[in-house]
Amino acid sequence: MTQADQTIILFGSLQTEYKTIEAMVKIYCKDHHNTAGICDKCEDFLQYAHTRLDRCPYGEEKPTCRLCPIHCYKTDYRQLSREIMRYSGPRMLLKHPVLAIRHLVAEKRPIPDKPAANASNRHKRKQAEKADKH
């Protein structure tokens, strides 16, 4: 992740969701791209996912992306996300059971009708930065 992305802090459930996505990408990349770490394409996807989580209008009340009525991923990234999730999802139960079960439980939560105003992680982060300056 770039230095700028590392300074963006995700709050609460968004951080857990990012850890889940990161674990899934690592499984996918290792098996498909034969790399020790994460290849550039997968790193780019992780950066994009991190930014989308930061700016999600639902904030911490965010439904899983698959069930979300707001599709904020560009088409190419959405397709890559589906590919990664389809491959890594079943493998997550063995490699990261807690994250996998949390994700399955999150899919059962009701989807909010409309995002609350200023609920995004980005908005909360900017508010916290303003409060720290004062």
N, C-alpha and C. Protein backbone atom coordinates (compact mmCIF):
# COMPACT_ATOMS: atom_id res chain seq x y z
N MET A 1 0.84 -1.18 0.00
CA MET A 1 0.00 0.00 0.00
C MET A 1 0.88 1.24 0.00
N THR A 2 0.43 2.29 -0.64
CA THR A 2 1.23 3.51 -0.68
C THR A 2 1.24 4.18 0.68
N GLN A 3 2.18 5.10 0.86
CA GLN A 3 2.31 5.81 2.13
C GLN A 3 1.02 6.56 2.47
N ALA A 4 0.40 7.19 1.47
CA ALA A 4 -0.84 7.93 1.70
C ALA A 4 -1.95 7.01 2.17
N ASP A 5 -2.06 5.81 1.56
CA ASP A 5 -3.10 4.86 1.97
C ASP A 5 -2.86 4.34 3.38
N GLN A 6 -1.59 4.20 3.77
CA GLN A 6 -1.29 3.70 5.10
C GLN A 6 -1.73 4.68 6.18
N THR A 7 -1.81 5.96 5.87
CA THR A 7 -2.22 6.94 6.87
C THR A 7 -3.73 7.00 7.00
N ILE A 8 -4.46 6.43 6.05
CA ILE A 8 -5.92 6.41 6.13
C ILE A 8 -6.32 5.28 7.08
N ILE A 9 -6.93 5.65 8.16
CA ILE A 9 -7.34 4.67 9.17
C ILE A 9 -8.79 4.30 8.93
N LEU A 10 -9.07 3.00 8.89
CA LEU A 10 -10.44 2.53 8.78
C LEU A 10 -10.94 2.22 10.19
N PHE A 11 -12.15 2.67 10.50
CA PHE A 11 -12.71 2.49 11.83
C PHE A 11 -13.55 1.21 11.90
N GLY A 12 -13.54 0.58 13.06
CA GLY A 12 -14.43 -0.52 13.41
C GLY A 12 -14.53 -1.64 12.40
N SER A 13 -15.75 -1.92 11.98
CA SER A 13 -16.02 -3.05 11.10
C SER A 13 -15.37 -2.88 9.73
N LEU A 14 -15.10 -1.65 9.33
CA LEU A 14 -14.44 -1.43 8.04
C LEU A 14 -13.01 -1.99 8.06
N GLN A 15 -12.34 -1.87 9.19
CA GLN A 15 -10.99 -2.43 9.33
C GLN A 15 -11.05 -3.95 9.25
N THR A 16 -12.04 -4.55 9.88
CA THR A 16 -12.20 -6.00 9.81
C THR A 16 -12.50 -6.43 8.38
N GLU A 17 -13.33 -5.68 7.70
CA GLU A 17 -13.65 -6.01 6.30
C GLU A 17 -12.39 -5.91 5.43
N TYR A 18 -11.56 -4.91 5.69
CA TYR A 18 -10.32 -4.79 4.92
C TYR A 18 -9.40 -5.98 5.19
N LYS A 19 -9.30 -6.40 6.44
CA LYS A 19 -8.47 -7.56 6.77
C LYS A 19 -8.97 -8.81 6.04
N THR A 20 -10.29 -8.94 5.92
CA THR A 20 -10.88 -10.07 5.21
C THR A 20 -10.52 -10.01 3.73
N ILE A 21 -10.68 -8.85 3.12
CA ILE A 21 -10.34 -8.69 1.71
C ILE A 21 -8.86 -8.96 1.49
N GLU A 22 -8.02 -8.44 2.37
CA GLU A 22 -6.58 -8.63 2.26
C GLU A 22 -6.23 -10.12 2.34
N ALA A 23 -6.84 -10.84 3.26
CA ALA A 23 -6.58 -12.28 3.40
C ALA A 23 -7.01 -13.03 2.14
N MET A 24 -8.15 -12.65 1.59
CA MET A 24 -8.64 -13.30 0.38
C MET A 24 -7.73 -13.03 -0.81
N VAL A 25 -7.25 -11.81 -0.93
CA VAL A 25 -6.35 -11.45 -2.03
C VAL A 25 -5.04 -12.22 -1.90
N LYS A 26 -4.53 -12.36 -0.70
CA LYS A 26 -3.28 -13.11 -0.50
C LYS A 26 -3.44 -14.57 -0.92
N ILE A 27 -4.56 -15.18 -0.58
CA ILE A 27 -4.82 -16.56 -0.98
C ILE A 27 -4.88 -16.66 -2.51
N TYR A 28 -5.65 -15.77 -3.10
CA TYR A 28 -5.84 -15.77 -4.56
C TYR A 28 -4.52 -15.53 -5.28
N CYS A 29 -3.78 -14.52 -4.86
CA CYS A 29 -2.54 -14.13 -5.54
C CYS A 29 -1.50 -15.25 -5.44
N LYS A 30 -1.36 -15.83 -4.26
CA LYS A 30 -0.38 -16.91 -4.07
C LYS A 30 -0.67 -18.07 -5.02
N ASP A 31 -1.94 -18.44 -5.16
CA ASP A 31 -2.30 -19.59 -5.98
C ASP A 31 -2.38 -19.29 -7.47
N HIS A 32 -2.67 -18.04 -7.85
CA HIS A 32 -2.83 -17.71 -9.27
C HIS A 32 -1.62 -17.01 -9.89
N HIS A 33 -0.86 -16.28 -9.10
CA HIS A 33 0.25 -15.51 -9.65
C HIS A 33 1.61 -16.01 -9.20
N ASN A 34 1.61 -17.08 -8.40
CA ASN A 34 2.85 -17.73 -7.97
C ASN A 34 3.88 -16.75 -7.41
N THR A 35 3.43 -15.89 -6.51
CA THR A 35 4.34 -14.92 -5.90
C THR A 35 4.47 -15.21 -4.41
N ALA A 36 5.58 -14.80 -3.84
CA ALA A 36 5.77 -14.97 -2.39
C ALA A 36 4.91 -13.97 -1.64
N GLY A 37 4.84 -12.74 -2.15
CA GLY A 37 4.03 -11.70 -1.52
C GLY A 37 2.79 -11.46 -2.36
N ILE A 38 2.48 -10.21 -2.59
CA ILE A 38 1.34 -9.83 -3.41
C ILE A 38 1.86 -9.15 -4.66
N CYS A 39 1.38 -9.59 -5.82
CA CYS A 39 1.83 -9.01 -7.09
C CYS A 39 1.28 -7.58 -7.25
N ASP A 40 1.78 -6.87 -8.23
CA ASP A 40 1.38 -5.48 -8.45
C ASP A 40 -0.12 -5.34 -8.75
N LYS A 41 -0.65 -6.25 -9.55
CA LYS A 41 -2.08 -6.20 -9.90
C LYS A 41 -2.95 -6.36 -8.64
N CYS A 42 -2.59 -7.32 -7.81
CA CYS A 42 -3.36 -7.56 -6.59
C CYS A 42 -3.16 -6.43 -5.58
N GLU A 43 -1.96 -5.86 -5.53
CA GLU A 43 -1.69 -4.72 -4.65
C GLU A 43 -2.54 -3.52 -5.08
N ASP A 44 -2.64 -3.33 -6.39
CA ASP A 44 -3.48 -2.25 -6.92
C ASP A 44 -4.94 -2.45 -6.51
N PHE A 45 -5.41 -3.70 -6.59
CA PHE A 45 -6.78 -4.01 -6.18
C PHE A 45 -6.98 -3.71 -4.69
N LEU A 46 -6.01 -4.09 -3.86
CA LEU A 46 -6.12 -3.83 -2.42
C LEU A 46 -6.16 -2.34 -2.12
N GLN A 47 -5.36 -1.56 -2.81
CA GLN A 47 -5.40 -0.11 -2.62
C GLN A 47 -6.76 0.45 -3.00
N TYR A 48 -7.29 -0.04 -4.12
CA TYR A 48 -8.60 0.40 -4.58
C TYR A 48 -9.69 0.03 -3.56
N ALA A 49 -9.64 -1.21 -3.07
CA ALA A 49 -10.62 -1.66 -2.07
C ALA A 49 -10.54 -0.83 -0.80
N HIS A 50 -9.33 -0.50 -0.38
CA HIS A 50 -9.13 0.32 0.82
C HIS A 50 -9.78 1.70 0.64
N THR A 51 -9.55 2.29 -0.52
CA THR A 51 -10.14 3.61 -0.81
C THR A 51 -11.67 3.52 -0.84
N ARG A 52 -12.21 2.48 -1.46
CA ARG A 52 -13.66 2.32 -1.54
C ARG A 52 -14.26 2.13 -0.15
N LEU A 53 -13.58 1.37 0.71
CA LEU A 53 -14.07 1.20 2.08
C LEU A 53 -14.06 2.53 2.83
N ASP A 54 -13.01 3.31 2.63
CA ASP A 54 -12.90 4.60 3.29
C ASP A 54 -14.04 5.53 2.87
N ARG A 55 -14.46 5.44 1.64
CA ARG A 55 -15.47 6.36 1.10
C ARG A 55 -16.88 5.78 1.04
N CYS A 56 -17.07 4.59 1.53
CA CYS A 56 -18.39 3.96 1.48
C CYS A 56 -19.41 4.83 2.22
N PRO A 57 -20.50 5.20 1.55
CA PRO A 57 -21.50 6.07 2.20
C PRO A 57 -22.18 5.43 3.40
N TYR A 58 -22.17 4.11 3.50
CA TYR A 58 -22.78 3.43 4.64
C TYR A 58 -21.89 3.47 5.88
N GLY A 59 -20.61 3.71 5.70
CA GLY A 59 -19.69 3.73 6.84
C GLY A 59 -19.64 2.38 7.52
N GLU A 60 -19.65 2.37 8.83
CA GLU A 60 -19.56 1.12 9.58
C GLU A 60 -20.82 0.27 9.50
N GLU A 61 -21.91 0.82 8.99
CA GLU A 61 -23.15 0.07 8.82
C GLU A 61 -23.18 -0.60 7.44
N LYS A 62 -22.05 -0.60 6.76
CA LYS A 62 -21.93 -1.10 5.40
C LYS A 62 -22.36 -2.56 5.29
N PRO A 63 -23.22 -2.85 4.31
CA PRO A 63 -23.52 -4.27 4.04
C PRO A 63 -22.36 -4.88 3.25
N THR A 64 -22.34 -6.18 3.10
CA THR A 64 -21.30 -6.78 2.27
C THR A 64 -21.48 -6.27 0.84
N CYS A 65 -20.38 -6.16 0.14
CA CYS A 65 -20.41 -5.57 -1.21
C CYS A 65 -21.35 -6.32 -2.15
N ARG A 66 -21.40 -7.63 -2.00
CA ARG A 66 -22.25 -8.45 -2.88
C ARG A 66 -23.72 -8.07 -2.75
N LEU A 67 -24.14 -7.67 -1.57
CA LEU A 67 -25.55 -7.36 -1.33
C LEU A 67 -25.85 -5.86 -1.36
N CYS A 68 -24.84 -5.04 -1.50
CA CYS A 68 -25.01 -3.59 -1.42
C CYS A 68 -25.78 -3.04 -2.63
N PRO A 69 -26.75 -2.17 -2.39
CA PRO A 69 -27.48 -1.57 -3.50
C PRO A 69 -26.67 -0.50 -4.25
N ILE A 70 -25.60 -0.02 -3.64
CA ILE A 70 -24.74 0.98 -4.27
C ILE A 70 -23.47 0.26 -4.75
N HIS A 71 -23.29 0.17 -6.06
CA HIS A 71 -22.10 -0.49 -6.59
C HIS A 71 -21.04 0.56 -6.86
N CYS A 72 -20.09 0.67 -5.94
CA CYS A 72 -19.10 1.74 -6.04
C CYS A 72 -17.81 1.30 -6.72
N TYR A 73 -17.64 -0.01 -6.97
CA TYR A 73 -16.46 -0.49 -7.68
C TYR A 73 -16.65 -0.30 -9.18
N LYS A 74 -15.58 0.12 -9.86
CA LYS A 74 -15.61 0.17 -11.32
C LYS A 74 -15.76 -1.25 -11.84
N THR A 75 -16.24 -1.40 -13.05
CA THR A 75 -16.55 -2.71 -13.62
C THR A 75 -15.38 -3.68 -13.55
N ASP A 76 -14.18 -3.25 -13.94
CA ASP A 76 -13.02 -4.14 -13.95
C ASP A 76 -12.70 -4.63 -12.53
N TYR A 77 -12.74 -3.72 -11.57
CA TYR A 77 -12.45 -4.09 -10.18
C TYR A 77 -13.57 -4.97 -9.60
N ARG A 78 -14.80 -4.71 -9.98
CA ARG A 78 -15.91 -5.53 -9.49
C ARG A 78 -15.76 -6.96 -9.99
N GLN A 79 -15.38 -7.11 -11.26
CA GLN A 79 -15.18 -8.45 -11.82
C GLN A 79 -14.02 -9.16 -11.13
N LEU A 80 -12.92 -8.45 -10.90
CA LEU A 80 -11.77 -9.04 -10.20
C LEU A 80 -12.17 -9.41 -8.77
N SER A 81 -12.96 -8.57 -8.12
CA SER A 81 -13.42 -8.86 -6.77
C SER A 81 -14.23 -10.16 -6.74
N ARG A 82 -15.14 -10.32 -7.68
CA ARG A 82 -15.93 -11.55 -7.75
C ARG A 82 -15.04 -12.77 -7.94
N GLU A 83 -14.07 -12.64 -8.83
CA GLU A 83 -13.14 -13.74 -9.10
C GLU A 83 -12.36 -14.12 -7.84
N ILE A 84 -11.85 -13.12 -7.15
CA ILE A 84 -11.08 -13.35 -5.92
C ILE A 84 -11.96 -13.99 -4.86
N MET A 85 -13.17 -13.46 -4.67
CA MET A 85 -14.07 -13.97 -3.63
C MET A 85 -14.50 -15.41 -3.93
N ARG A 86 -14.83 -15.69 -5.19
CA ARG A 86 -15.25 -17.05 -5.54
C ARG A 86 -14.15 -18.07 -5.27
N TYR A 87 -12.92 -17.69 -5.58
CA TYR A 87 -11.82 -18.62 -5.36
C TYR A 87 -11.46 -18.72 -3.88
N SER A 88 -11.31 -17.57 -3.23
CA SER A 88 -10.79 -17.54 -1.86
C SER A 88 -11.83 -17.85 -0.80
N GLY A 89 -13.08 -17.57 -1.07
CA GLY A 89 -14.14 -17.75 -0.07
C GLY A 89 -14.12 -19.11 0.60
N PRO A 90 -14.21 -20.19 -0.17
CA PRO A 90 -14.20 -21.52 0.46
C PRO A 90 -12.90 -21.83 1.21
N ARG A 91 -11.79 -21.29 0.75
CA ARG A 91 -10.50 -21.54 1.38
C ARG A 91 -10.31 -20.74 2.67
N MET A 92 -11.09 -19.68 2.82
CA MET A 92 -10.99 -18.84 4.02
C MET A 92 -11.38 -19.62 5.27
N LEU A 93 -12.32 -20.53 5.15
CA LEU A 93 -12.75 -21.30 6.32
C LEU A 93 -11.60 -22.08 6.94
N LEU A 94 -10.66 -22.54 6.12
CA LEU A 94 -9.51 -23.27 6.64
C LEU A 94 -8.38 -22.36 7.10
N LYS A 95 -8.13 -21.30 6.33
CA LYS A 95 -6.97 -20.45 6.60
C LYS A 95 -7.27 -19.30 7.59
N HIS A 96 -8.47 -18.77 7.53
CA HIS A 96 -8.86 -17.65 8.40
C HIS A 96 -10.31 -17.84 8.84
N PRO A 97 -10.57 -18.85 9.69
CA PRO A 97 -11.95 -19.17 10.04
C PRO A 97 -12.72 -18.04 10.72
N VAL A 98 -12.08 -17.27 11.58
CA VAL A 98 -12.78 -16.19 12.28
C VAL A 98 -13.23 -15.12 11.30
N LEU A 99 -12.34 -14.70 10.40
CA LEU A 99 -12.72 -13.70 9.40
C LEU A 99 -13.81 -14.23 8.49
N ALA A 100 -13.71 -15.50 8.10
CA ALA A 100 -14.71 -16.09 7.20
C ALA A 100 -16.09 -16.13 7.86
N ILE A 101 -16.13 -16.53 9.10
CA ILE A 101 -17.42 -16.62 9.80
C ILE A 101 -18.00 -15.22 10.03
N ARG A 102 -17.16 -14.26 10.37
CA ARG A 102 -17.64 -12.88 10.53
C ARG A 102 -18.26 -12.37 9.24
N HIS A 103 -17.61 -12.70 8.11
CA HIS A 103 -18.12 -12.25 6.82
C HIS A 103 -19.47 -12.93 6.51
N LEU A 104 -19.58 -14.21 6.81
CA LEU A 104 -20.84 -14.92 6.58
C LEU A 104 -21.96 -14.35 7.45
N VAL A 105 -21.64 -14.02 8.68
CA VAL A 105 -22.64 -13.41 9.58
C VAL A 105 -23.04 -12.03 9.07
N ALA A 106 -22.07 -11.27 8.57
CA ALA A 106 -22.35 -9.92 8.05
C ALA A 106 -23.31 -9.98 6.87
N GLU A 107 -23.26 -11.05 6.09
CA GLU A 107 -24.17 -11.18 4.95
C GLU A 107 -25.61 -11.40 5.39
N LYS A 108 -25.82 -11.78 6.62
CA LYS A 108 -27.18 -12.02 7.13
C LYS A 108 -27.80 -10.76 7.74
N ARG A 109 -26.98 -9.73 7.97
CA ARG A 109 -27.52 -8.49 8.54
C ARG A 109 -28.43 -7.80 7.54
N PRO A 110 -29.46 -7.12 8.02
CA PRO A 110 -30.32 -6.38 7.09
C PRO A 110 -29.57 -5.21 6.46
N ILE A 111 -29.92 -4.90 5.23
CA ILE A 111 -29.28 -3.81 4.50
C ILE A 111 -30.04 -2.51 4.82
N PRO A 112 -29.33 -1.50 5.29
CA PRO A 112 -30.01 -0.22 5.56
C PRO A 112 -30.62 0.34 4.26
N ASP A 113 -31.80 0.96 4.39
CA ASP A 113 -32.47 1.51 3.22
C ASP A 113 -31.65 2.61 2.56
N LYS A 114 -31.15 3.49 3.38
CA LYS A 114 -30.43 4.65 2.87
C LYS A 114 -29.28 4.95 3.81
N PRO A 115 -28.10 5.25 3.26
CA PRO A 115 -26.99 5.59 4.15
C PRO A 115 -27.28 6.86 4.95
N ALA A 116 -26.87 6.88 6.19
CA ALA A 116 -27.02 8.08 7.01
C ALA A 116 -26.10 9.17 6.47
N ALA A 117 -26.47 10.40 6.65
CA ALA A 117 -25.65 11.52 6.18
C ALA A 117 -24.31 11.52 6.90
N ASN A 118 -23.25 11.75 6.16
CA ASN A 118 -21.89 11.86 6.70
C ASN A 118 -21.45 10.64 7.50
N ALA A 119 -21.86 9.45 7.08
CA ALA A 119 -21.51 8.22 7.80
C ALA A 119 -20.23 7.59 7.30
N SER A 120 -19.69 8.07 6.20
CA SER A 120 -18.51 7.42 5.63
C SER A 120 -17.31 7.52 6.56
N ASN A 121 -16.43 6.57 6.43
CA ASN A 121 -15.19 6.55 7.21
C ASN A 121 -14.40 7.83 6.92
N ARG A 122 -14.37 8.24 5.66
CA ARG A 122 -13.63 9.43 5.26
C ARG A 122 -14.14 10.67 6.00
N HIS A 123 -15.46 10.79 6.09
CA HIS A 123 -16.03 11.94 6.79
C HIS A 123 -15.65 11.91 8.27
N LYS A 124 -15.76 10.75 8.90
CA LYS A 124 -15.40 10.63 10.33
C LYS A 124 -13.91 10.91 10.54
N ARG A 125 -13.09 10.43 9.61
CA ARG A 125 -11.65 10.66 9.71
C ARG A 125 -11.32 12.14 9.60
N LYS A 126 -11.96 12.83 8.66
CA LYS A 126 -11.72 14.27 8.49
C LYS A 126 -12.19 15.04 9.73
N GLN A 127 -13.31 14.64 10.30
CA GLN A 127 -13.82 15.27 11.53
C GLN A 127 -12.83 15.08 12.68
N ALA A 128 -12.27 13.87 12.79
CA ALA A 128 -11.31 13.59 13.85
C ALA A 128 -10.03 14.42 13.66
N GLU A 129 -9.62 14.58 12.39
CA GLU A 129 -8.43 15.40 12.10
C GLU A 129 -8.66 16.85 12.49
N LYS A 130 -9.86 17.38 12.22
CA LYS A 130 -10.19 18.75 12.58
C LYS A 130 -10.18 18.90 14.10
N ALA A 131 -10.74 17.93 14.80
CA ALA A 131 -10.80 18.00 16.26
C ALA A 131 -9.40 17.95 16.86
N ASP A 132 -8.51 17.17 16.25
CA ASP A 132 -7.13 17.08 16.75
C ASP A 132 -6.37 18.39 16.54
N LYS A 133 -6.68 19.13 15.50
CA LYS A 133 -6.01 20.39 15.21
C LYS A 133 -6.45 21.49 16.18
N HIS A 134 -7.65 21.36 16.71
CA HIS A 134 -8.16 22.40 17.59
C HIS A 134 -7.85 22.07 19.00
